[in-house]
PDB file of all heavy atoms in Angstrom:
ATOM      1  N   VAL A   1       0.797  -1.187  -0.028  1.00  0.00           N
ATOM      2  CA  VAL A   1      -0.022  -0.034   0.055  1.00  0.00           C
ATOM      3  C   VAL A   1       0.870   1.246   0.014  1.00  0.00           C
ATOM      4  O   VAL A   1       0.601   2.188  -0.776  1.00  0.00           O
ATOM      5  CB  VAL A   1      -0.956   0.026   1.208  1.00  0.00           C
ATOM      6  CG1 VAL A   1      -1.681   1.352   1.280  1.00  0.00           C
ATOM      7  CG2 VAL A   1      -1.931  -1.143   1.102  1.00  0.00           C
ATOM      8  N   ALA A   2       1.923   1.271   0.813  1.00  0.00           N
ATOM      9  CA  ALA A   2       2.808   2.439   0.896  1.00  0.00           C
ATOM     10  C   ALA A   2       3.495   2.682  -0.426  1.00  0.00           C
ATOM     11  O   ALA A   2       3.624   3.813  -0.901  1.00  0.00           O
ATOM     12  CB  ALA A   2       3.796   2.215   2.036  1.00  0.00           C
ATOM     13  N   ALA A   3       3.945   1.608  -1.020  1.00  0.00           N
ATOM     14  CA  ALA A   3       4.546   1.775  -2.352  1.00  0.00           C
ATOM     15  C   ALA A   3       3.581   2.309  -3.450  1.00  0.00           C
ATOM     16  O   ALA A   3       3.960   3.189  -4.217  1.00  0.00           O
ATOM     17  CB  ALA A   3       5.204   0.429  -2.758  1.00  0.00           C
ATOM     18  N   ARG A   4       2.359   1.744  -3.360  1.00  0.00           N
ATOM     19  CA  ARG A   4       1.401   2.189  -4.412  1.00  0.00           C
ATOM     20  C   ARG A   4       0.982   3.669  -4.181  1.00  0.00           C
ATOM     21  O   ARG A   4       0.752   4.383  -5.128  1.00  0.00           O
ATOM     22  CB  ARG A   4       0.117   1.251  -4.261  1.00  0.00           C
ATOM     23  CG  ARG A   4      -1.042   1.680  -5.106  1.00  0.00           C
ATOM     24  CD  ARG A   4      -0.668   1.542  -6.623  1.00  0.00           C
ATOM     25  NE  ARG A   4      -1.705   1.896  -7.480  1.00  0.00           N
ATOM     26  CZ  ARG A   4      -1.927   3.119  -7.911  1.00  0.00           C
ATOM     27  NH1 ARG A   4      -1.057   4.113  -7.581  1.00  0.00           N
ATOM     28  NH2 ARG A   4      -2.900   3.455  -8.796  1.00  0.00           N
ATOM     29  N   LEU A   5       0.900   4.100  -2.927  1.00  0.00           N
ATOM     30  CA  LEU A   5       0.546   5.550  -2.682  1.00  0.00           C
ATOM     31  C   LEU A   5       1.646   6.438  -2.601  1.00  0.00           C
ATOM     32  O   LEU A   5       1.442   7.678  -2.543  1.00  0.00           O
ATOM     33  CB  LEU A   5      -0.364   5.532  -1.434  1.00  0.00           C
ATOM     34  CG  LEU A   5      -1.614   4.659  -1.416  1.00  0.00           C
ATOM     35  CD1 LEU A   5      -2.280   4.797  -0.110  1.00  0.00           C
ATOM     36  CD2 LEU A   5      -2.532   5.113  -2.506  1.00  0.00           C
ATOM     37  N   GLY A   6       2.865   5.953  -2.585  1.00  0.00           N
ATOM     38  CA  GLY A   6       4.070   6.839  -2.603  1.00  0.00           C
ATOM     39  C   GLY A   6       4.253   7.471  -1.289  1.00  0.00           C
ATOM     40  O   GLY A   6       4.721   8.675  -1.156  1.00  0.00           O
ATOM     41  N   VAL A   7       3.899   6.821  -0.240  1.00  0.00           N
ATOM     42  CA  VAL A   7       3.979   7.391   1.141  1.00  0.00           C
ATOM     43  C   VAL A   7       4.733   6.368   2.033  1.00  0.00           C
ATOM     44  O   VAL A   7       4.806   5.202   1.680  1.00  0.00           O
ATOM     45  CB  VAL A   7       2.752   7.840   1.813  1.00  0.00           C
ATOM     46  CG1 VAL A   7       2.047   9.008   1.045  1.00  0.00           C
ATOM     47  CG2 VAL A   7       1.718   6.668   1.897  1.00  0.00           C
ATOM     48  N   ASP A   8       5.202   6.812   3.246  1.00  0.00           N
ATOM     49  CA  ASP A   8       5.784   5.899   4.085  1.00  0.00           C
ATOM     50  C   ASP A   8       4.717   5.071   4.823  1.00  0.00           C
ATOM     51  O   ASP A   8       3.690   5.483   5.246  1.00  0.00           O
ATOM     52  CB  ASP A   8       6.599   6.684   5.224  1.00  0.00           C
ATOM     53  CG  ASP A   8       8.009   7.110   4.706  1.00  0.00           C
ATOM     54  OD1 ASP A   8       8.393   6.704   3.573  1.00  0.00           O
ATOM     55  OD2 ASP A   8       8.585   7.847   5.329  1.00  0.00           O
ATOM     56  N   GLU A   9       5.114   3.815   5.061  1.00  0.00           N
ATOM     57  CA  GLU A   9       4.235   2.848   5.911  1.00  0.00           C
ATOM     58  C   GLU A   9       3.986   3.550   7.210  1.00  0.00           C
ATOM     59  O   GLU A   9       2.858   3.418   7.757  1.00  0.00           O
ATOM     60  CB  GLU A   9       4.962   1.529   6.065  1.00  0.00           C
ATOM     61  CG  GLU A   9       4.350   0.599   6.975  1.00  0.00           C
ATOM     62  CD  GLU A   9       5.277  -0.534   7.488  1.00  0.00           C
ATOM     63  OE1 GLU A   9       6.359  -0.543   7.010  1.00  0.00           O
ATOM     64  OE2 GLU A   9       4.891  -1.308   8.312  1.00  0.00           O
ATOM     65  N   ALA A  10       5.010   4.094   7.877  1.00  0.00           N
ATOM     66  CA  ALA A  10       4.892   4.751   9.144  1.00  0.00           C
ATOM     67  C   ALA A  10       3.903   5.873   9.252  1.00  0.00           C
ATOM     68  O   ALA A  10       3.380   6.215  10.217  1.00  0.00           O
ATOM     69  CB  ALA A  10       6.231   5.137   9.745  1.00  0.00           C
ATOM     70  N   PHE A  11       3.769   6.580   8.056  1.00  0.00           N
ATOM     71  CA  PHE A  11       2.777   7.696   7.985  1.00  0.00           C
ATOM     72  C   PHE A  11       1.306   7.102   8.030  1.00  0.00           C
ATOM     73  O   PHE A  11       0.479   7.699   8.721  1.00  0.00           O
ATOM     74  CB  PHE A  11       3.019   8.490   6.697  1.00  0.00           C
ATOM     75  CG  PHE A  11       1.966   9.521   6.381  1.00  0.00           C
ATOM     76  CD1 PHE A  11       2.030  10.685   7.104  1.00  0.00           C
ATOM     77  CD2 PHE A  11       0.964   9.249   5.481  1.00  0.00           C
ATOM     78  CE1 PHE A  11       0.969  11.624   6.895  1.00  0.00           C
ATOM     79  CE2 PHE A  11      -0.044  10.204   5.247  1.00  0.00           C
ATOM     80  CZ  PHE A  11       0.024  11.420   5.930  1.00  0.00           C
ATOM     81  N   LEU A  12       1.076   5.981   7.326  1.00  0.00           N
ATOM     82  CA  LEU A  12      -0.247   5.427   7.273  1.00  0.00           C
ATOM     83  C   LEU A  12      -0.632   4.660   8.542  1.00  0.00           C
ATOM     84  O   LEU A  12      -1.767   4.789   8.964  1.00  0.00           O
ATOM     85  CB  LEU A  12      -0.343   4.497   6.071  1.00  0.00           C
ATOM     86  CG  LEU A  12      -0.256   5.157   4.696  1.00  0.00           C
ATOM     87  CD1 LEU A  12      -0.140   4.087   3.617  1.00  0.00           C
ATOM     88  CD2 LEU A  12      -1.330   6.198   4.439  1.00  0.00           C
ATOM     89  N   TRP A  13       0.432   4.024   9.107  1.00  0.00           N
ATOM     90  CA  TRP A  13       0.151   3.203  10.339  1.00  0.00           C
ATOM     91  C   TRP A  13       1.295   3.421  11.339  1.00  0.00           C
ATOM     92  O   TRP A  13       2.204   2.587  11.508  1.00  0.00           O
ATOM     93  CB  TRP A  13       0.068   1.647   9.999  1.00  0.00           C
ATOM     94  CG  TRP A  13      -1.070   1.391   9.085  1.00  0.00           C
ATOM     95  CD1 TRP A  13      -2.437   1.315   9.368  1.00  0.00           C
ATOM     96  CD2 TRP A  13      -1.041   1.144   7.642  1.00  0.00           C
ATOM     97  NE1 TRP A  13      -3.150   1.054   8.348  1.00  0.00           N
ATOM     98  CE2 TRP A  13      -2.404   0.934   7.203  1.00  0.00           C
ATOM     99  CE3 TRP A  13      -0.015   1.101   6.660  1.00  0.00           C
ATOM    100  CZ2 TRP A  13      -2.687   0.637   5.821  1.00  0.00           C
ATOM    101  CZ3 TRP A  13      -0.377   0.793   5.453  1.00  0.00           C
ATOM    102  CH2 TRP A  13      -1.651   0.608   5.051  1.00  0.00           C
ATOM    103  N   PRO A  14       1.392   4.567  11.947  1.00  0.00           N
ATOM    104  CA  PRO A  14       2.458   4.953  12.851  1.00  0.00           C
ATOM    105  C   PRO A  14       2.690   3.930  14.015  1.00  0.00           C
ATOM    106  O   PRO A  14       3.809   3.951  14.497  1.00  0.00           O
ATOM    107  CB  PRO A  14       2.109   6.346  13.320  1.00  0.00           C
ATOM    108  CG  PRO A  14       0.571   6.424  13.050  1.00  0.00           C
ATOM    109  CD  PRO A  14       0.249   5.711  11.945  1.00  0.00           C
ATOM    110  N   LYS A  15       1.617   3.284  14.393  1.00  0.00           N
ATOM    111  CA  LYS A  15       1.750   2.340  15.566  1.00  0.00           C
ATOM    112  C   LYS A  15       2.163   0.883  15.210  1.00  0.00           C
ATOM    113  O   LYS A  15       2.382   0.056  16.009  1.00  0.00           O
ATOM    114  CB  LYS A  15       0.426   2.277  16.331  1.00  0.00           C
ATOM    115  CG  LYS A  15       0.009   3.670  16.938  1.00  0.00           C
ATOM    116  CD  LYS A  15      -1.290   3.494  17.600  1.00  0.00           C
ATOM    117  CE  LYS A  15      -1.768   4.847  18.202  1.00  0.00           C
ATOM    118  NZ  LYS A  15      -3.035   4.704  18.864  1.00  0.00           N
ATOM    119  N   ALA A  16       2.348   0.721  13.870  1.00  0.00           N
ATOM    120  CA  ALA A  16       2.519  -0.664  13.394  1.00  0.00           C
ATOM    121  C   ALA A  16       3.983  -1.065  13.646  1.00  0.00           C
ATOM    122  O   ALA A  16       4.222  -2.306  13.793  1.00  0.00           O
ATOM    123  CB  ALA A  16       2.213  -0.778  11.847  1.00  0.00           C
ATOM    124  N   LEU A  17       4.969  -0.201  13.588  1.00  0.00           N
ATOM    125  CA  LEU A  17       6.432  -0.568  13.756  1.00  0.00           C
ATOM    126  C   LEU A  17       6.704  -0.705  15.197  1.00  0.00           C
ATOM    127  O   LEU A  17       6.266   0.012  16.051  1.00  0.00           O
ATOM    128  CB  LEU A  17       7.194   0.489  13.069  1.00  0.00           C
ATOM    129  CG  LEU A  17       7.064   0.646  11.525  1.00  0.00           C
ATOM    130  CD1 LEU A  17       8.068   1.689  11.072  1.00  0.00           C
ATOM    131  CD2 LEU A  17       7.209  -0.646  10.775  1.00  0.00           C
ATOM    132  N   SER A  18       7.555  -1.613  15.514  1.00  0.00           N
ATOM    133  CA  SER A  18       8.029  -1.787  16.854  1.00  0.00           C
ATOM    134  C   SER A  18       9.070  -0.706  17.038  1.00  0.00           C
ATOM    135  O   SER A  18       9.634  -0.083  16.175  1.00  0.00           O
ATOM    136  CB  SER A  18       8.713  -3.113  17.053  1.00  0.00           C
ATOM    137  OG  SER A  18       9.975  -3.173  16.289  1.00  0.00           O
ATOM    138  N   PRO A  19       9.344  -0.338  18.282  1.00  0.00           N
ATOM    139  CA  PRO A  19      10.325   0.696  18.664  1.00  0.00           C
ATOM    140  C   PRO A  19      11.679   0.429  18.044  1.00  0.00           C
ATOM    141  O   PRO A  19      12.415   1.322  17.531  1.00  0.00           O
ATOM    142  CB  PRO A  19      10.388   0.797  20.165  1.00  0.00           C
ATOM    143  CG  PRO A  19       9.086   0.313  20.574  1.00  0.00           C
ATOM    144  CD  PRO A  19       8.696  -0.779  19.629  1.00  0.00           C
ATOM    145  N   GLU A  20      12.088  -0.875  17.995  1.00  0.00           N
ATOM    146  CA  GLU A  20      13.386  -1.265  17.413  1.00  0.00           C
ATOM    147  C   GLU A  20      13.386  -1.149  15.962  1.00  0.00           C
ATOM    148  O   GLU A  20      14.302  -0.529  15.389  1.00  0.00           O
ATOM    149  CB  GLU A  20      13.640  -2.733  17.809  1.00  0.00           C
ATOM    150  CG  GLU A  20      13.875  -3.024  19.218  1.00  0.00           C
ATOM    151  CD  GLU A  20      12.580  -3.082  20.110  1.00  0.00           C
ATOM    152  OE1 GLU A  20      11.526  -3.183  19.409  1.00  0.00           O
ATOM    153  OE2 GLU A  20      12.668  -3.100  21.273  1.00  0.00           O
ATOM    154  N   GLN A  21      12.256  -1.455  15.271  1.00  0.00           N
ATOM    155  CA  GLN A  21      12.158  -1.338  13.876  1.00  0.00           C
ATOM    156  C   GLN A  21      12.239   0.165  13.431  1.00  0.00           C
ATOM    157  O   GLN A  21      12.941   0.614  12.566  1.00  0.00           O
ATOM    158  CB  GLN A  21      10.938  -1.903  13.218  1.00  0.00           C
ATOM    159  CG  GLN A  21      10.899  -3.396  13.290  1.00  0.00           C
ATOM    160  CD  GLN A  21       9.625  -3.965  12.928  1.00  0.00           C
ATOM    161  OE1 GLN A  21       8.528  -3.479  13.302  1.00  0.00           O
ATOM    162  NE2 GLN A  21       9.564  -5.056  12.128  1.00  0.00           N
ATOM    163  N   SER A  22      11.550   0.993  14.175  1.00  0.00           N
ATOM    164  CA  SER A  22      11.451   2.443  13.924  1.00  0.00           C
ATOM    165  C   SER A  22      12.788   3.088  14.113  1.00  0.00           C
ATOM    166  O   SER A  22      13.246   3.904  13.290  1.00  0.00           O
ATOM    167  CB  SER A  22      10.432   3.049  14.866  1.00  0.00           C
ATOM    168  OG  SER A  22      10.348   4.590  14.514  1.00  0.00           O
ATOM    169  N   ALA A  23      13.510   2.640  15.197  1.00  0.00           N
ATOM    170  CA  ALA A  23      14.850   3.252  15.394  1.00  0.00           C
ATOM    171  C   ALA A  23      15.896   2.834  14.354  1.00  0.00           C
ATOM    172  O   ALA A  23      16.610   3.631  13.979  1.00  0.00           O
ATOM    173  CB  ALA A  23      15.378   2.771  16.852  1.00  0.00           C
ATOM    174  N   GLU A  24      15.833   1.553  13.984  1.00  0.00           N
ATOM    175  CA  GLU A  24      16.719   1.163  12.863  1.00  0.00           C
ATOM    176  C   GLU A  24      16.459   1.894  11.642  1.00  0.00           C
ATOM    177  O   GLU A  24      17.371   2.276  10.958  1.00  0.00           O
ATOM    178  CB  GLU A  24      16.565  -0.358  12.675  1.00  0.00           C
ATOM    179  CG  GLU A  24      17.159  -1.124  13.809  1.00  0.00           C
ATOM    180  CD  GLU A  24      16.906  -2.681  13.666  1.00  0.00           C
ATOM    181  OE1 GLU A  24      16.320  -2.998  12.718  1.00  0.00           O
ATOM    182  OE2 GLU A  24      17.225  -3.395  14.642  1.00  0.00           O
ATOM    183  N   ALA A  25      15.182   2.067  11.244  1.00  0.00           N
ATOM    184  CA  ALA A  25      14.880   2.723  10.002  1.00  0.00           C
ATOM    185  C   ALA A  25      15.260   4.164  10.108  1.00  0.00           C
ATOM    186  O   ALA A  25      15.823   4.759   9.069  1.00  0.00           O
ATOM    187  CB  ALA A  25      13.385   2.626   9.717  1.00  0.00           C
ATOM    188  N   SER A  26      15.049   4.842  11.230  1.00  0.00           N
ATOM    189  CA  SER A  26      15.373   6.223  11.322  1.00  0.00           C
ATOM    190  C   SER A  26      16.917   6.445  11.227  1.00  0.00           C
ATOM    191  O   SER A  26      17.434   7.400  10.666  1.00  0.00           O
ATOM    192  CB  SER A  26      14.833   6.788  12.647  1.00  0.00           C
ATOM    193  OG  SER A  26      13.367   6.815  12.628  1.00  0.00           O
ATOM    194  N   GLU A  27      17.651   5.549  11.934  1.00  0.00           N
ATOM    195  CA  GLU A  27      19.095   5.656  11.844  1.00  0.00           C
ATOM    196  C   GLU A  27      19.614   5.506  10.389  1.00  0.00           C
ATOM    197  O   GLU A  27      20.577   6.202   9.944  1.00  0.00           O
ATOM    198  CB  GLU A  27      19.767   4.572  12.692  1.00  0.00           C
ATOM    199  CG  GLU A  27      21.267   4.597  12.707  1.00  0.00           C
ATOM    200  CD  GLU A  27      21.819   3.564  13.686  1.00  0.00           C
ATOM    201  OE1 GLU A  27      21.059   2.968  14.489  1.00  0.00           O
ATOM    202  OE2 GLU A  27      23.103   3.302  13.543  1.00  0.00           O
ATOM    203  N   SER A  28      18.874   4.715   9.564  1.00  0.00           N
ATOM    204  CA  SER A  28      19.277   4.586   8.146  1.00  0.00           C
ATOM    205  C   SER A  28      18.970   5.819   7.378  1.00  0.00           C
ATOM    206  O   SER A  28      19.503   5.879   6.143  1.00  0.00           O
ATOM    207  CB  SER A  28      18.549   3.322   7.496  1.00  0.00           C
ATOM    208  OG  SER A  28      18.927   2.119   8.218  1.00  0.00           O
ATOM    209  N   GLU A  29      18.095   6.693   7.890  1.00  0.00           N
ATOM    210  CA  GLU A  29      17.824   7.898   7.147  1.00  0.00           C
ATOM    211  C   GLU A  29      19.024   8.899   7.185  1.00  0.00           C
ATOM    212  O   GLU A  29      19.071   9.853   6.443  1.00  0.00           O
ATOM    213  CB  GLU A  29      16.622   8.530   7.711  1.00  0.00           C
ATOM    214  CG  GLU A  29      15.275   7.827   7.481  1.00  0.00           C
ATOM    215  CD  GLU A  29      14.035   8.562   7.843  1.00  0.00           C
ATOM    216  OE1 GLU A  29      14.114   9.017   9.058  1.00  0.00           O
ATOM    217  OE2 GLU A  29      13.120   8.677   7.100  1.00  0.00           O
ATOM    218  N   ILE A  30      19.924   8.703   8.092  1.00  0.00           N
ATOM    219  CA  ILE A  30      21.138   9.617   8.218  1.00  0.00           C
ATOM    220  C   ILE A  30      22.171   9.184   7.229  1.00  0.00           C
ATOM    221  O   ILE A  30      22.785   8.142   7.229  1.00  0.00           O
ATOM    222  CB  ILE A  30      21.680   9.557   9.607  1.00  0.00           C
ATOM    223  CG1 ILE A  30      20.628   9.844  10.715  1.00  0.00           C
ATOM    224  CG2 ILE A  30      22.865  10.517   9.728  1.00  0.00           C
ATOM    225  CD1 ILE A  30      21.073   9.668  12.088  1.00  0.00           C
ATOM    226  N   LEU A  31      22.452  10.114   6.241  1.00  0.00           N
ATOM    227  CA  LEU A  31      23.448   9.874   5.198  1.00  0.00           C
ATOM    228  C   LEU A  31      24.759  10.331   5.683  1.00  0.00           C
ATOM    229  O   LEU A  31      25.782   9.751   5.549  1.00  0.00           O
ATOM    230  CB  LEU A  31      23.094  10.573   3.930  1.00  0.00           C
ATOM    231  CG  LEU A  31      21.726  10.048   3.226  1.00  0.00           C
ATOM    232  CD1 LEU A  31      21.510  10.795   1.995  1.00  0.00           C
ATOM    233  CD2 LEU A  31      21.779   8.627   2.974  1.00  0.00           C
ATOM    234  N   THR A  32      24.831  11.648   6.208  1.00  0.00           N
ATOM    235  CA  THR A  32      26.024  12.239   6.621  1.00  0.00           C
ATOM    236  C   THR A  32      25.804  13.215   7.705  1.00  0.00           C
ATOM    237  O   THR A  32      24.694  13.811   7.814  1.00  0.00           O
ATOM    238  CB  THR A  32      26.703  13.099   5.371  1.00  0.00           C
ATOM    239  OG1 THR A  32      26.731  12.227   4.269  1.00  0.00           O
ATOM    240  CG2 THR A  32      28.170  13.524   5.746  1.00  0.00           C
TER     241      THR A  32
END
């Protein structure tokens, strides 16, 4: 659904991710 609508999964279902998954994904957003 997120891919079809061009939005983040966390935007549509913010409570779906575990704290660990959310932290890992957010850390991956840091490029430099």
